[in-house]
């Protein structure tokens, strides 16, 4: 499908912005339609060949599950400064090389 190009040089900034937004909407709609068609093809092939889901997932590189950690409970306190550390992340300097049990918050 060929169309004559728009006269972009003769358009105002506002008209260009509206044109850009329309093009972006059409690209998004086309991408969603294309993706749906590909997914439908994959589903059909998986069902036709009775491919187990686990085998398909492995072939795609497996699942990655990100754990959502809640707020960290503070486990250690520096008695001199009152600074605390939860045990997550880099060990603070005030605790480095020392016995952690002495700094545990009861």
PDB file of N, CA and C in Angstrom:
ATOM      1  N   UNK A   1       0.854  -1.160   0.000  1.00  0.00           N
ATOM      2  CA  UNK A   1       0.000   0.000   0.000  1.00  0.00           C
ATOM      3  C   UNK A   1       0.907   1.232   0.000  1.00  0.00           C
ATOM      4  N   UNK A   2       0.803   2.045  -0.988  1.00  0.00           N
ATOM      5  CA  UNK A   2       1.600   3.265  -1.061  1.00  0.00           C
ATOM      6  C   UNK A   2       0.668   4.461  -1.006  1.00  0.00           C
ATOM      7  N   UNK A   3       1.112   5.432  -0.300  1.00  0.00           N
ATOM      8  CA  UNK A   3       0.370   6.680  -0.171  1.00  0.00           C
ATOM      9  C   UNK A   3       1.303   7.818  -0.497  1.00  0.00           C
ATOM     10  N   UNK A   4       0.720   8.903  -0.894  1.00  0.00           N
ATOM     11  CA  UNK A   4       1.555  10.072  -1.125  1.00  0.00           C
ATOM     12  C   UNK A   4       1.966  10.621   0.234  1.00  0.00           C
ATOM     13  N   UNK A   5       3.202  11.025   0.359  1.00  0.00           N
ATOM     14  CA  UNK A   5       3.672  11.519   1.652  1.00  0.00           C
ATOM     15  C   UNK A   5       2.966  12.817   2.043  1.00  0.00           C
ATOM     16  N   UNK A   6       2.801  12.999   3.339  1.00  0.00           N
ATOM     17  CA  UNK A   6       2.197  14.234   3.847  1.00  0.00           C
ATOM     18  C   UNK A   6       3.180  15.380   3.638  1.00  0.00           C
ATOM     19  N   UNK A   7       2.646  16.564   3.544  1.00  0.00           N
ATOM     20  CA  UNK A   7       3.494  17.738   3.449  1.00  0.00           C
ATOM     21  C   UNK A   7       3.870  18.142   4.872  1.00  0.00           C
ATOM     22  N   UNK A   8       4.815  17.412   5.447  1.00  0.00           N
ATOM     23  CA  UNK A   8       5.210  17.664   6.834  1.00  0.00           C
ATOM     24  C   UNK A   8       5.826  19.039   7.007  1.00  0.00           C
ATOM     25  N   UNK A   9       6.540  19.504   5.991  1.00  0.00           N
ATOM     26  CA  UNK A   9       7.195  20.805   6.097  1.00  0.00           C
ATOM     27  C   UNK A   9       6.197  21.947   6.206  1.00  0.00           C
ATOM     28  N   UNK A  10       5.007  21.771   5.639  1.00  0.00           N
ATOM     29  CA  UNK A  10       4.011  22.830   5.667  1.00  0.00           C
ATOM     30  C   UNK A  10       3.112  22.796   6.897  1.00  0.00           C
ATOM     31  N   UNK A  11       3.309  21.792   7.779  1.00  0.00           N
ATOM     32  CA  UNK A  11       2.435  21.656   8.950  1.00  0.00           C
ATOM     33  C   UNK A  11       2.956  22.457  10.130  1.00  0.00           C
ATOM     34  N   UNK A  12       2.023  22.900  10.962  1.00  0.00           N
ATOM     35  CA  UNK A  12       2.414  23.602  12.188  1.00  0.00           C
ATOM     36  C   UNK A  12       2.903  22.576  13.204  1.00  0.00           C
ATOM     37  N   UNK A  13       3.533  23.061  14.256  1.00  0.00           N
ATOM     38  CA  UNK A  13       4.008  22.170  15.318  1.00  0.00           C
ATOM     39  C   UNK A  13       2.831  21.425  15.938  1.00  0.00           C
ATOM     40  N   UNK A  14       1.720  22.130  16.158  1.00  0.00           N
ATOM     41  CA  UNK A  14       0.545  21.493  16.746  1.00  0.00           C
ATOM     42  C   UNK A  14       0.010  20.383  15.844  1.00  0.00           C
ATOM     43  N   UNK A  15      -0.059  20.657  14.529  1.00  0.00           N
ATOM     44  CA  UNK A  15      -0.539  19.658  13.574  1.00  0.00           C
ATOM     45  C   UNK A  15       0.415  18.466  13.511  1.00  0.00           C
ATOM     46  N   UNK A  16       1.722  18.745  13.549  1.00  0.00           N
ATOM     47  CA  UNK A  16       2.704  17.661  13.550  1.00  0.00           C
ATOM     48  C   UNK A  16       2.566  16.794  14.805  1.00  0.00           C
ATOM     49  N   UNK A  17       2.332  17.458  15.949  1.00  0.00           N
ATOM     50  CA  UNK A  17       2.177  16.721  17.207  1.00  0.00           C
ATOM     51  C   UNK A  17       0.947  15.818  17.134  1.00  0.00           C
ATOM     52  N   UNK A  18      -0.169  16.332  16.604  1.00  0.00           N
ATOM     53  CA  UNK A  18      -1.381  15.517  16.454  1.00  0.00           C
ATOM     54  C   UNK A  18      -1.137  14.356  15.488  1.00  0.00           C
ATOM     55  N   UNK A  19      -0.417  14.638  14.423  1.00  0.00           N
ATOM     56  CA  UNK A  19      -0.091  13.598  13.440  1.00  0.00           C
ATOM     57  C   UNK A  19       0.780  12.515  14.090  1.00  0.00           C
ATOM     58  N   UNK A  20       1.746  12.950  14.870  1.00  0.00           N
ATOM     59  CA  UNK A  20       2.638  12.017  15.565  1.00  0.00           C
ATOM     60  C   UNK A  20       1.843  11.129  16.507  1.00  0.00           C
ATOM     61  N   UNK A  21       0.931  11.722  17.279  1.00  0.00           N
ATOM     62  CA  UNK A  21       0.123  10.949  18.224  1.00  0.00           C
ATOM     63  C   UNK A  21      -0.755   9.935  17.495  1.00  0.00           C
ATOM     64  N   UNK A  22      -1.310  10.334  16.359  1.00  0.00           N
ATOM     65  CA  UNK A  22      -2.139   9.419  15.573  1.00  0.00           C
ATOM     66  C   UNK A  22      -1.299   8.258  15.045  1.00  0.00           C
ATOM     67  N   UNK A  23      -0.101   8.555  14.552  1.00  0.00           N
ATOM     68  CA  UNK A  23       0.791   7.512  14.044  1.00  0.00           C
ATOM     69  C   UNK A  23       1.175   6.562  15.175  1.00  0.00           C
ATOM     70  N   UNK A  24       1.487   7.096  16.359  1.00  0.00           N
ATOM     71  CA  UNK A  24       1.857   6.249  17.490  1.00  0.00           C
ATOM     72  C   UNK A  24       0.701   5.339  17.903  1.00  0.00           C
ATOM     73  N   UNK A  25      -0.537   5.866  17.884  1.00  0.00           N
ATOM     74  CA  UNK A  25      -1.709   5.037  18.206  1.00  0.00           C
ATOM     75  C   UNK A  25      -1.875   3.909  17.192  1.00  0.00           C
ATOM     76  N   UNK A  26      -1.688   4.238  15.933  1.00  0.00           N
ATOM     77  CA  UNK A  26      -1.840   3.224  14.880  1.00  0.00           C
ATOM     78  C   UNK A  26      -0.741   2.173  14.976  1.00  0.00           C
ATOM     79  N   UNK A  27       0.471   2.583  15.304  1.00  0.00           N
ATOM     80  CA  UNK A  27       1.577   1.633  15.477  1.00  0.00           C
ATOM     81  C   UNK A  27       1.266   0.689  16.634  1.00  0.00           C
ATOM     82  N   UNK A  28       0.801   1.229  17.747  1.00  0.00           N
ATOM     83  CA  UNK A  28       0.467   0.413  18.909  1.00  0.00           C
ATOM     84  C   UNK A  28      -0.645  -0.579  18.577  1.00  0.00           C
ATOM     85  N   UNK A  29      -1.683  -0.126  17.904  1.00  0.00           N
ATOM     86  CA  UNK A  29      -2.794  -1.013  17.528  1.00  0.00           C
ATOM     87  C   UNK A  29      -2.315  -2.104  16.582  1.00  0.00           C
ATOM     88  N   UNK A  30      -1.485  -1.746  15.611  1.00  0.00           N
ATOM     89  CA  UNK A  30      -0.957  -2.731  14.661  1.00  0.00           C
ATOM     90  C   UNK A  30      -0.075  -3.745  15.370  1.00  0.00           C
ATOM     91  N   UNK A  31       0.769  -3.281  16.296  1.00  0.00           N
ATOM     92  CA  UNK A  31       1.655  -4.174  17.047  1.00  0.00           C
ATOM     93  C   UNK A  31       0.832  -5.159  17.872  1.00  0.00           C
ATOM     94  N   UNK A  32      -0.226  -4.670  18.529  1.00  0.00           N
ATOM     95  CA  UNK A  32      -1.083  -5.545  19.330  1.00  0.00           C
ATOM     96  C   UNK A  32      -1.771  -6.591  18.450  1.00  0.00           C
ATOM     97  N   UNK A  33      -2.249  -6.176  17.279  1.00  0.00           N
ATOM     98  CA  UNK A  33      -2.893  -7.106  16.339  1.00  0.00           C
ATOM     99  C   UNK A  33      -1.896  -8.159  15.862  1.00  0.00           C
ATOM    100  N   UNK A  34      -0.706  -7.722  15.482  1.00  0.00           N
ATOM    101  CA  UNK A  34       0.325  -8.659  15.014  1.00  0.00           C
ATOM    102  C   UNK A  34       0.722  -9.634  16.122  1.00  0.00           C
ATOM    103  N   UNK A  35       0.917  -9.116  17.337  1.00  0.00           N
ATOM    104  CA  UNK A  35       1.288  -9.981  18.469  1.00  0.00           C
ATOM    105  C   UNK A  35       0.206 -11.023  18.732  1.00  0.00           C
ATOM    106  N   UNK A  36      -1.052 -10.593  18.692  1.00  0.00           N
ATOM    107  CA  UNK A  36      -2.151 -11.525  18.926  1.00  0.00           C
ATOM    108  C   UNK A  36      -2.156 -12.631  17.881  1.00  0.00           C
ATOM    109  N   UNK A  37      -1.895 -12.276  16.608  1.00  0.00           N
ATOM    110  CA  UNK A  37      -1.856 -13.267  15.536  1.00  0.00           C
ATOM    111  C   UNK A  37      -0.723 -14.267  15.757  1.00  0.00           C
ATOM    112  N   UNK A  38       0.440 -13.786  16.173  1.00  0.00           N
ATOM    113  CA  UNK A  38       1.578 -14.667  16.431  1.00  0.00           C
ATOM    114  C   UNK A  38       1.271 -15.589  17.609  1.00  0.00           C
ATOM    115  N   UNK A  39       0.706 -15.041  18.670  1.00  0.00           N
ATOM    116  CA  UNK A  39       0.362 -15.856  19.832  1.00  0.00           C
ATOM    117  C   UNK A  39      -0.658 -16.925  19.450  1.00  0.00           C
ATOM    118  N   UNK A  40      -1.632 -16.569  18.635  1.00  0.00           N
ATOM    119  CA  UNK A  40      -2.623 -17.551  18.179  1.00  0.00           C
ATOM    120  C   UNK A  40      -1.952 -18.675  17.390  1.00  0.00           C
ATOM    121  N   UNK A  41      -0.980 -18.327  16.551  1.00  0.00           N
ATOM    122  CA  UNK A  41      -0.247 -19.348  15.794  1.00  0.00           C
ATOM    123  C   UNK A  41       0.528 -20.266  16.728  1.00  0.00           C
ATOM    124  N   UNK A  42       1.180 -19.687  17.726  1.00  0.00           N
ATOM    125  CA  UNK A  42       1.952 -20.481  18.688  1.00  0.00           C
ATOM    126  C   UNK A  42       1.030 -21.433  19.440  1.00  0.00           C
ATOM    127  N   UNK A  43      -0.108 -20.933  19.911  1.00  0.00           N
ATOM    128  CA  UNK A  43      -1.068 -21.772  20.636  1.00  0.00           C
ATOM    129  C   UNK A  43      -1.527 -22.928  19.752  1.00  0.00           C
ATOM    130  N   UNK A  44      -1.813 -22.628  18.493  1.00  0.00           N
ATOM    131  CA  UNK A  44      -2.263 -23.679  17.569  1.00  0.00           C
ATOM    132  C   UNK A  44      -1.189 -24.749  17.389  1.00  0.00           C
ATOM    133  N   UNK A  45       0.064 -24.330  17.213  1.00  0.00           N
ATOM    134  CA  UNK A  45       1.159 -25.290  17.042  1.00  0.00           C
ATOM    135  C   UNK A  45       1.390 -26.115  18.315  1.00  0.00           C
ATOM    136  N   UNK A  46       1.348 -25.463  19.461  1.00  0.00           N
ATOM    137  CA  UNK A  46       1.537 -26.171  20.734  1.00  0.00           C
ATOM    138  C   UNK A  46       0.444 -27.216  20.912  1.00  0.00           C
ATOM    139  N   UNK A  47      -0.786 -26.837  20.621  1.00  0.00           N
ATOM    140  CA  UNK A  47      -1.903 -27.773  20.768  1.00  0.00           C
ATOM    141  C   UNK A  47      -1.838 -28.888  19.729  1.00  0.00           C
ATOM    142  N   UNK A  48      -1.475 -28.562  18.495  1.00  0.00           N
ATOM    143  CA  UNK A  48      -1.397 -29.565  17.428  1.00  0.00           C
ATOM    144  C   UNK A  48      -0.340 -30.619  17.735  1.00  0.00           C
ATOM    145  N   UNK A  49       0.786 -30.187  18.285  1.00  0.00           N
ATOM    146  CA  UNK A  49       1.903 -31.099  18.532  1.00  0.00           C
ATOM    147  C   UNK A  49       1.943 -31.589  19.974  1.00  0.00           C
ATOM    148  N   UNK A  50       0.941 -31.236  20.766  1.00  0.00           N
ATOM    149  CA  UNK A  50       0.861 -31.673  22.175  1.00  0.00           C
ATOM    150  C   UNK A  50       2.156 -31.407  22.938  1.00  0.00           C
ATOM    151  N   UNK A  51       2.666 -30.221  22.789  1.00  0.00           N
ATOM    152  CA  UNK A  51       3.904 -29.844  23.471  1.00  0.00           C
ATOM    153  C   UNK A  51       3.559 -29.466  24.910  1.00  0.00           C
ATOM    154  N   UNK A  52       4.185 -30.125  25.892  1.00  0.00           N
ATOM    155  CA  UNK A  52       3.921 -29.772  27.290  1.00  0.00           C
ATOM    156  C   UNK A  52       4.380 -28.336  27.588  1.00  0.00           C
ATOM    157  N   UNK A  53       3.637 -27.671  28.426  1.00  0.00           N
ATOM    158  CA  UNK A  53       3.955 -26.284  28.774  1.00  0.00           C
ATOM    159  C   UNK A  53       5.348 -26.180  29.367  1.00  0.00           C
ATOM    160  N   UNK A  54       5.723 -27.118  30.234  1.00  0.00           N
ATOM    161  CA  UNK A  54       7.045 -27.078  30.866  1.00  0.00           C
ATOM    162  C   UNK A  54       8.155 -27.142  29.817  1.00  0.00           C
ATOM    163  N   UNK A  55       7.965 -27.955  28.780  1.00  0.00           N
ATOM    164  CA  UNK A  55       8.961 -28.066  27.719  1.00  0.00           C
ATOM    165  C   UNK A  55       9.060 -26.761  26.933  1.00  0.00           C
ATOM    166  N   UNK A  56       7.929 -26.150  26.692  1.00  0.00           N
ATOM    167  CA  UNK A  56       7.903 -24.873  25.986  1.00  0.00           C
ATOM    168  C   UNK A  56       8.588 -23.786  26.808  1.00  0.00           C
ATOM    169  N   UNK A  57       8.290 -23.743  28.085  1.00  0.00           N
ATOM    170  CA  UNK A  57       8.908 -22.745  28.970  1.00  0.00           C
ATOM    171  C   UNK A  57      10.416 -22.947  29.013  1.00  0.00           C
ATOM    172  N   UNK A  58      10.871 -24.199  29.120  1.00  0.00           N
ATOM    173  CA  UNK A  58      12.308 -24.467  29.121  1.00  0.00           C
ATOM    174  C   UNK A  58      12.956 -24.006  27.817  1.00  0.00           C
ATOM    175  N   UNK A  59      12.279 -24.261  26.687  1.00  0.00           N
ATOM    176  CA  UNK A  59      12.812 -23.859  25.387  1.00  0.00           C
ATOM    177  C   UNK A  59      12.915 -22.345  25.264  1.00  0.00           C
ATOM    178  N   UNK A  60      12.060 -21.630  25.987  1.00  0.00           N
ATOM    179  CA  UNK A  60      12.079 -20.167  25.957  1.00  0.00           C
ATOM    180  C   UNK A  60      13.018 -19.565  26.994  1.00  0.00           C
ATOM    181  N   UNK A  61      13.723 -20.412  27.718  1.00  0.00           N
ATOM    182  CA  UNK A  61      14.696 -19.912  28.688  1.00  0.00           C
ATOM    183  C   UNK A  61      14.219 -19.952  30.118  1.00  0.00           C
ATOM    184  N   UNK A  62      13.072 -20.568  30.367  1.00  0.00           N
ATOM    185  CA  UNK A  62      12.581 -20.713  31.733  1.00  0.00           C
ATOM    186  C   UNK A  62      11.861 -19.480  32.230  1.00  0.00           C
ATOM    187  N   UNK A  63      11.331 -19.610  33.408  1.00  0.00           N
ATOM    188  CA  UNK A  63      10.616 -18.509  34.047  1.00  0.00           C
ATOM    189  C   UNK A  63      11.539 -17.785  34.999  1.00  0.00           C
ATOM    190  N   UNK A  64      11.399 -16.496  35.051  1.00  0.00           N
ATOM    191  CA  UNK A  64      12.108 -15.718  36.060  1.00  0.00           C
ATOM    192  C   UNK A  64      11.057 -15.107  36.967  1.00  0.00           C
ATOM    193  N   UNK A  65      11.187 -15.380  38.224  1.00  0.00           N
ATOM    194  CA  UNK A  65      10.219 -14.876  39.193  1.00  0.00           C
ATOM    195  C   UNK A  65      10.951 -13.914  40.121  1.00  0.00           C
ATOM    196  N   UNK A  66      10.469 -12.705  40.138  1.00  0.00           N
ATOM    197  CA  UNK A  66      11.053 -11.711  41.036  1.00  0.00           C
ATOM    198  C   UNK A  66      10.281 -11.730  42.334  1.00  0.00           C
ATOM    199  N   UNK A  67      10.997 -11.937  43.405  1.00  0.00           N
ATOM    200  CA  UNK A  67      10.358 -11.911  44.714  1.00  0.00           C
ATOM    201  C   UNK A  67      10.126 -10.459  45.112  1.00  0.00           C
ATOM    202  N   UNK A  68       8.965 -10.239  45.654  1.00  0.00           N
ATOM    203  CA  UNK A  68       8.680  -8.912  46.181  1.00  0.00           C
ATOM    204  C   UNK A  68       8.948  -8.967  47.679  1.00  0.00           C
ATOM    205  N   UNK A  69       9.998  -8.306  48.064  1.00  0.00           N
ATOM    206  CA  UNK A  69      10.365  -8.287  49.476  1.00  0.00           C
ATOM    207  C   UNK A  69       9.598  -7.182  50.176  1.00  0.00           C
ATOM    208  N   UNK A  70       9.124  -7.485  51.337  1.00  0.00           N
ATOM    209  CA  UNK A  70       8.446  -6.472  52.136  1.00  0.00           C
ATOM    210  C   UNK A  70       9.468  -5.561  52.765  1.00  0.00           C
ATOM    211  N   UNK A  71       8.997  -4.650  53.587  1.00  0.00           N
ATOM    212  CA  UNK A  71       9.939  -3.755  54.259  1.00  0.00           C
ATOM    213  C   UNK A  71      10.902  -4.555  55.125  1.00  0.00           C
ATOM    214  N   UNK A  72      12.148  -4.155  55.109  1.00  0.00           N
ATOM    215  CA  UNK A  72      13.175  -4.865  55.861  1.00  0.00           C
ATOM    216  C   UNK A  72      13.039  -4.589  57.352  1.00  0.00           C
ATOM    217  N   UNK A  73      13.110  -5.651  58.140  1.00  0.00           N
ATOM    218  CA  UNK A  73      13.099  -5.525  59.590  1.00  0.00           C
ATOM    219  C   UNK A  73      14.536  -5.286  60.028  1.00  0.00           C
ATOM    220  N   UNK A  74      14.734  -4.272  60.821  1.00  0.00           N
ATOM    221  CA  UNK A  74      16.075  -3.941  61.279  1.00  0.00           C
ATOM    222  C   UNK A  74      16.531  -4.976  62.311  1.00  0.00           C
ATOM    223  N   UNK A  75      17.703  -5.586  62.090  1.00  0.00           N
ATOM    224  CA  UNK A  75      18.193  -6.660  62.949  1.00  0.00           C
ATOM    225  C   UNK A  75      19.398  -6.251  63.787  1.00  0.00           C
ATOM    226  N   UNK A  76      20.124  -5.231  63.335  1.00  0.00           N
ATOM    227  CA  UNK A  76      21.355  -4.851  64.029  1.00  0.00           C
ATOM    228  C   UNK A  76      21.356  -3.345  64.281  1.00  0.00           C
ATOM    229  N   UNK A  77      21.911  -2.943  65.440  1.00  0.00           N
ATOM    230  CA  UNK A  77      21.983  -1.519  65.791  1.00  0.00           C
ATOM    231  C   UNK A  77      23.373  -1.211  66.325  1.00  0.00           C
ATOM    232  N   UNK A  78      23.909  -0.078  65.873  1.00  0.00           N
ATOM    233  CA  UNK A  78      25.178   0.417  66.391  1.00  0.00           C
ATOM    234  C   UNK A  78      24.864   1.202  67.656  1.00  0.00           C
ATOM    235  N   UNK A  79      25.336   0.748  68.834  1.00  0.00           N
ATOM    236  CA  UNK A  79      25.002   1.437  70.080  1.00  0.00           C
ATOM    237  C   UNK A  79      25.566   2.852  70.165  1.00  0.00           C
ATOM    238  N   UNK A  80      26.625   3.142  69.438  1.00  0.00           N
ATOM    239  CA  UNK A  80      27.230   4.472  69.494  1.00  0.00           C
ATOM    240  C   UNK A  80      26.455   5.498  68.680  1.00  0.00           C
ATOM    241  N   UNK A  81      26.020   5.107  67.498  1.00  0.00           N
ATOM    242  CA  UNK A  81      25.375   6.077  66.608  1.00  0.00           C
ATOM    243  C   UNK A  81      23.871   5.873  66.486  1.00  0.00           C
ATOM    244  N   UNK A  82      23.395   4.675  66.835  1.00  0.00           N
ATOM    245  CA  UNK A  82      21.975   4.370  66.684  1.00  0.00           C
ATOM    246  C   UNK A  82      21.608   3.918  65.282  1.00  0.00           C
ATOM    247  N   UNK A  83      22.589   3.850  64.384  1.00  0.00           N
ATOM    248  CA  UNK A  83      22.328   3.381  63.027  1.00  0.00           C
ATOM    249  C   UNK A  83      21.917   1.916  63.055  1.00  0.00           C
ATOM    250  N   UNK A  84      21.038   1.540  62.137  1.00  0.00           N
ATOM    251  CA  UNK A  84      20.571   0.159  62.083  1.00  0.00           C
ATOM    252  C   UNK A  84      20.845  -0.436  60.712  1.00  0.00           C
ATOM    253  N   UNK A  85      20.782  -1.780  60.676  1.00  0.00           N
ATOM    254  CA  UNK A  85      20.971  -2.517  59.428  1.00  0.00           C
ATOM    255  C   UNK A  85      20.087  -3.744  59.474  1.00  0.00           C
ATOM    256  N   UNK A  86      19.452  -4.058  58.356  1.00  0.00           N
ATOM    257  CA  UNK A  86      18.514  -5.169  58.296  1.00  0.00           C
ATOM    258  C   UNK A  86      19.185  -6.497  57.965  1.00  0.00           C
ATOM    259  N   UNK A  87      20.417  -6.460  57.507  1.00  0.00           N
ATOM    260  CA  UNK A  87      21.066  -7.673  57.052  1.00  0.00           C
ATOM    261  C   UNK A  87      20.992  -7.791  55.540  1.00  0.00           C
ATOM    262  N   UNK A  88      20.254  -6.900  54.898  1.00  0.00           N
ATOM    263  CA  UNK A  88      20.159  -6.869  53.440  1.00  0.00           C
ATOM    264  C   UNK A  88      21.155  -5.857  52.900  1.00  0.00           C
ATOM    265  N   UNK A  89      21.684  -6.177  51.756  1.00  0.00           N
ATOM    266  CA  UNK A  89      22.588  -5.230  51.115  1.00  0.00           C
ATOM    267  C   UNK A  89      23.981  -5.278  51.703  1.00  0.00           C
ATOM    268  N   UNK A  90      24.756  -4.277  51.368  1.00  0.00           N
ATOM    269  CA  UNK A  90      26.154  -4.212  51.794  1.00  0.00           C
ATOM    270  C   UNK A  90      26.254  -4.011  53.299  1.00  0.00           C
ATOM    271  N   UNK A  91      27.159  -4.747  53.902  1.00  0.00           N
ATOM    272  CA  UNK A  91      27.368  -4.653  55.348  1.00  0.00           C
ATOM    273  C   UNK A  91      27.931  -3.272  55.692  1.00  0.00           C
ATOM    274  N   UNK A  92      27.356  -2.607  56.695  1.00  0.00           N
ATOM    275  CA  UNK A  92      27.852  -1.269  57.046  1.00  0.00           C
ATOM    276  C   UNK A  92      29.237  -1.330  57.692  1.00  0.00           C
ATOM    277  N   UNK A  93      29.951  -0.231  57.573  1.00  0.00           N
ATOM    278  CA  UNK A  93      31.310  -0.168  58.106  1.00  0.00           C
ATOM    279  C   UNK A  93      31.348  -0.386  59.611  1.00  0.00           C
ATOM    280  N   UNK A  94      30.359   0.123  60.337  1.00  0.00           N
ATOM    281  CA  UNK A  94      30.367  -0.004  61.790  1.00  0.00           C
ATOM    282  C   UNK A  94      30.206  -1.457  62.249  1.00  0.00           C
ATOM    283  N   UNK A  95      29.809  -2.349  61.351  1.00  0.00           N
ATOM    284  CA  UNK A  95      29.609  -3.753  61.704  1.00  0.00           C
ATOM    285  C   UNK A  95      30.666  -4.658  61.071  1.00  0.00           C
ATOM    286  N   UNK A  96      31.370  -4.147  60.108  1.00  0.00           N
ATOM    287  CA  UNK A  96      32.326  -4.955  59.354  1.00  0.00           C
ATOM    288  C   UNK A  96      33.421  -5.520  60.252  1.00  0.00           C
ATOM    289  N   UNK A  97      33.593  -6.857  60.153  1.00  0.00           N
ATOM    290  CA  UNK A  97      34.659  -7.540  60.892  1.00  0.00           C
ATOM    291  C   UNK A  97      34.360  -7.737  62.358  1.00  0.00           C
ATOM    292  N   UNK A  98      33.155  -7.427  62.806  1.00  0.00           N
ATOM    293  CA  UNK A  98      32.801  -7.573  64.218  1.00  0.00           C
ATOM    294  C   UNK A  98      31.783  -8.695  64.381  1.00  0.00           C
ATOM    295  N   UNK A  99      31.642  -9.162  65.605  1.00  0.00           N
ATOM    296  CA  UNK A  99      30.664 -10.210  65.909  1.00  0.00           C
ATOM    297  C   UNK A  99      29.255  -9.608  65.847  1.00  0.00           C
ATOM    298  N   UNK A 100      28.438 -10.080  64.905  1.00  0.00           N
ATOM    299  CA  UNK A 100      27.098  -9.536  64.697  1.00  0.00           C
ATOM    300  C   UNK A 100      26.190  -9.737  65.905  1.00  0.00           C
ATOM    301  N   UNK A 101      26.358 -10.816  66.607  1.00  0.00           N
ATOM    302  CA  UNK A 101      25.484 -11.135  67.739  1.00  0.00           C
ATOM    303  C   UNK A 101      25.480 -10.015  68.782  1.00  0.00           C
ATOM    304  N   UNK A 102      26.611  -9.323  68.919  1.00  0.00           N
ATOM    305  CA  UNK A 102      26.713  -8.231  69.891  1.00  0.00           C
ATOM    306  C   UNK A 102      25.856  -7.026  69.494  1.00  0.00           C
ATOM    307  N   UNK A 103      25.510  -6.908  68.221  1.00  0.00           N
ATOM    308  CA  UNK A 103      24.774  -5.765  67.714  1.00  0.00           C
ATOM    309  C   UNK A 103      23.311  -6.090  67.410  1.00  0.00           C
ATOM    310  N   UNK A 104      22.905  -7.346  67.653  1.00  0.00           N
ATOM    311  CA  UNK A 104      21.528  -7.741  67.331  1.00  0.00           C
ATOM    312  C   UNK A 104      20.515  -6.988  68.168  1.00  0.00           C
ATOM    313  N   UNK A 105      19.439  -6.612  67.513  1.00  0.00           N
ATOM    314  CA  UNK A 105      18.316  -5.956  68.186  1.00  0.00           C
ATOM    315  C   UNK A 105      17.435  -7.079  68.739  1.00  0.00           C
ATOM    316  N   UNK A 106      17.139  -7.013  70.048  1.00  0.00           N
ATOM    317  CA  UNK A 106      16.333  -8.089  70.641  1.00  0.00           C
ATOM    318  C   UNK A 106      14.903  -8.132  70.121  1.00  0.00           C
TER     319      UNK A 106
END
